[in-house]
Amino acid sequence: MKTRRCCWPGCGAVVPASMWGCKAHWFRLPKSIRDRIWAAYRRGQEEDGSFSPRYAEAFKAAREFALKANAVEAQEQTQGTLPI
């Protein structure tokens, strides 16, 4: 089975190549984005490298969400407002 790193920026978890990311980061994505990824996923695409435009758009939306989430967390940490 092929593996790769979780797609969440900064995460080093190793996941099966067929998965977008680790369990923790997958479930941090809004359900609407997860649903878009699943709707556009084609079994075996990670093996042949052939991703549909719909999958690429969903992947991009997930990545953008993750980058924004990381930025918000970093800002909260520097301002000392991170909830306990």
C-alpha atoms as a PDB file:
ATOM      1  CA  MET A   1       0.000   0.000   0.000  1.00  0.00           C
ATOM      2  CA  LYS A   2       1.307   3.428  -0.938  1.00  0.00           C
ATOM      3  CA  THR A   3       1.540   6.024   1.797  1.00  0.00           C
ATOM      4  CA  ARG A   4       2.126   9.744   1.973  1.00  0.00           C
ATOM      5  CA  ARG A   5       1.949  12.613   4.441  1.00  0.00           C
ATOM      6  CA  CYS A   6      -1.298  14.130   5.668  1.00  0.00           C
ATOM      7  CA  CYS A   7      -2.295  17.084   3.464  1.00  0.00           C
ATOM      8  CA  TRP A   8      -2.887  19.389   6.448  1.00  0.00           C
ATOM      9  CA  PRO A   9      -0.040  21.948   6.395  1.00  0.00           C
ATOM     10  CA  GLY A  10       2.508  21.136   9.069  1.00  0.00           C
ATOM     11  CA  CYS A  11       1.222  17.649   9.840  1.00  0.00           C
ATOM     12  CA  GLY A  12       3.747  14.877   9.496  1.00  0.00           C
ATOM     13  CA  ALA A  13       1.371  11.947   9.945  1.00  0.00           C
ATOM     14  CA  VAL A  14       1.729   9.157   7.408  1.00  0.00           C
ATOM     15  CA  VAL A  15      -1.557   8.022   5.848  1.00  0.00           C
ATOM     16  CA  PRO A  16      -2.594   5.660   3.057  1.00  0.00           C
ATOM     17  CA  ALA A  17      -2.213   7.438  -0.286  1.00  0.00           C
ATOM     18  CA  SER A  18      -5.966   7.113  -0.856  1.00  0.00           C
ATOM     19  CA  MET A  19      -6.729   9.316   2.162  1.00  0.00           C
ATOM     20  CA  TRP A  20      -6.667  13.131   2.185  1.00  0.00           C
ATOM     21  CA  GLY A  21      -5.195  13.294   5.651  1.00  0.00           C
ATOM     22  CA  CYS A  22      -4.949  11.855   9.109  1.00  0.00           C
ATOM     23  CA  LYS A  23      -8.154  11.227  11.053  1.00  0.00           C
ATOM     24  CA  ALA A  24      -7.762  14.298  13.265  1.00  0.00           C
ATOM     25  CA  HIS A  25      -7.276  16.680  10.348  1.00  0.00           C
ATOM     26  CA  TRP A  26      -9.858  15.015   8.112  1.00  0.00           C
ATOM     27  CA  PHE A  27     -12.517  15.671  10.726  1.00  0.00           C
ATOM     28  CA  ARG A  28     -11.361  19.265  11.213  1.00  0.00           C
ATOM     29  CA  LEU A  29     -12.459  19.943   7.645  1.00  0.00           C
ATOM     30  CA  PRO A  30     -16.057  21.104   7.283  1.00  0.00           C
ATOM     31  CA  LYS A  31     -18.369  18.276   6.273  1.00  0.00           C
ATOM     32  CA  SER A  32     -19.194  20.127   3.055  1.00  0.00           C
ATOM     33  CA  ILE A  33     -15.540  19.968   1.968  1.00  0.00           C
ATOM     34  CA  ARG A  34     -15.190  16.314   3.022  1.00  0.00           C
ATOM     35  CA  ASP A  35     -18.309  15.529   0.994  1.00  0.00           C
ATOM     36  CA  ARG A  36     -16.866  17.310  -2.044  1.00  0.00           C
ATOM     37  CA  ILE A  37     -13.653  15.297  -1.787  1.00  0.00           C
ATOM     38  CA  TRP A  38     -15.564  11.993  -1.532  1.00  0.00           C
ATOM     39  CA  ALA A  39     -17.911  12.915  -4.398  1.00  0.00           C
ATOM     40  CA  ALA A  40     -14.962  13.637  -6.685  1.00  0.00           C
ATOM     41  CA  TYR A  41     -12.705  10.781  -5.538  1.00  0.00           C
ATOM     42  CA  ARG A  42     -12.090   7.974  -8.008  1.00  0.00           C
ATOM     43  CA  ARG A  43     -10.723   4.689  -6.691  1.00  0.00           C
ATOM     44  CA  GLY A  44      -7.139   4.244  -7.860  1.00  0.00           C
ATOM     45  CA  GLN A  45      -6.498   7.890  -8.720  1.00  0.00           C
ATOM     46  CA  GLU A  46      -3.620   7.976  -6.268  1.00  0.00           C
ATOM     47  CA  GLU A  47      -2.011   5.086  -8.135  1.00  0.00           C
ATOM     48  CA  ASP A  48      -2.223   6.502 -11.654  1.00  0.00           C
ATOM     49  CA  GLY A  49      -1.965  10.194 -10.731  1.00  0.00           C
ATOM     50  CA  SER A  50      -5.069  11.079 -12.695  1.00  0.00           C
ATOM     51  CA  PHE A  51      -7.151  13.510 -10.636  1.00  0.00           C
ATOM     52  CA  SER A  52     -10.336  15.036 -11.991  1.00  0.00           C
ATOM     53  CA  PRO A  53     -10.762  18.817 -12.035  1.00  0.00           C
ATOM     54  CA  ARG A  54     -13.550  18.378  -9.438  1.00  0.00           C
ATOM     55  CA  TYR A  55     -11.183  16.530  -7.117  1.00  0.00           C
ATOM     56  CA  ALA A  56      -8.468  19.141  -7.628  1.00  0.00           C
ATOM     57  CA  GLU A  57     -10.953  21.910  -6.717  1.00  0.00           C
ATOM     58  CA  ALA A  58     -12.129  20.057  -3.603  1.00  0.00           C
ATOM     59  CA  PHE A  59      -8.524  19.379  -2.599  1.00  0.00           C
ATOM     60  CA  LYS A  60      -7.707  23.064  -3.032  1.00  0.00           C
ATOM     61  CA  ALA A  61     -10.707  24.080  -0.886  1.00  0.00           C
ATOM     62  CA  ALA A  62      -9.542  21.709   1.865  1.00  0.00           C
ATOM     63  CA  ARG A  63      -6.001  23.043   1.726  1.00  0.00           C
ATOM     64  CA  GLU A  64      -7.202  26.664   1.862  1.00  0.00           C
ATOM     65  CA  PHE A  65      -9.401  25.872   4.863  1.00  0.00           C
ATOM     66  CA  ALA A  66      -6.450  24.211   6.632  1.00  0.00           C
ATOM     67  CA  LEU A  67      -4.137  27.153   5.944  1.00  0.00           C
ATOM     68  CA  LYS A  68      -6.709  29.601   7.335  1.00  0.00           C
ATOM     69  CA  ALA A  69      -7.299  27.406  10.395  1.00  0.00           C
ATOM     70  CA  ASN A  70      -3.555  27.267  11.068  1.00  0.00           C
ATOM     71  CA  ALA A  71      -3.283  31.060  10.691  1.00  0.00           C
ATOM     72  CA  VAL A  72      -6.141  31.633  13.139  1.00  0.00           C
ATOM     73  CA  GLU A  73      -4.560  29.270  15.668  1.00  0.00           C
ATOM     74  CA  ALA A  74      -1.184  30.987  15.318  1.00  0.00           C
ATOM     75  CA  GLN A  75      -2.769  34.403  15.813  1.00  0.00           C
ATOM     76  CA  GLU A  76      -4.689  33.200  18.869  1.00  0.00           C
ATOM     77  CA  GLN A  77      -1.518  31.755  20.359  1.00  0.00           C
ATOM     78  CA  THR A  78       0.429  34.986  19.908  1.00  0.00           C
ATOM     79  CA  GLN A  79      -2.428  36.996  21.392  1.00  0.00           C
ATOM     80  CA  GLY A  80      -2.875  34.565  24.261  1.00  0.00           C
ATOM     81  CA  THR A  81      -6.525  33.997  23.444  1.00  0.00           C
ATOM     82  CA  LEU A  82      -6.364  30.309  22.662  1.00  0.00           C
ATOM     83  CA  PRO A  83      -9.281  28.669  24.490  1.00  0.00           C
ATOM     84  CA  ILE A  84      -8.345  26.199  27.188  1.00  0.00           C
END
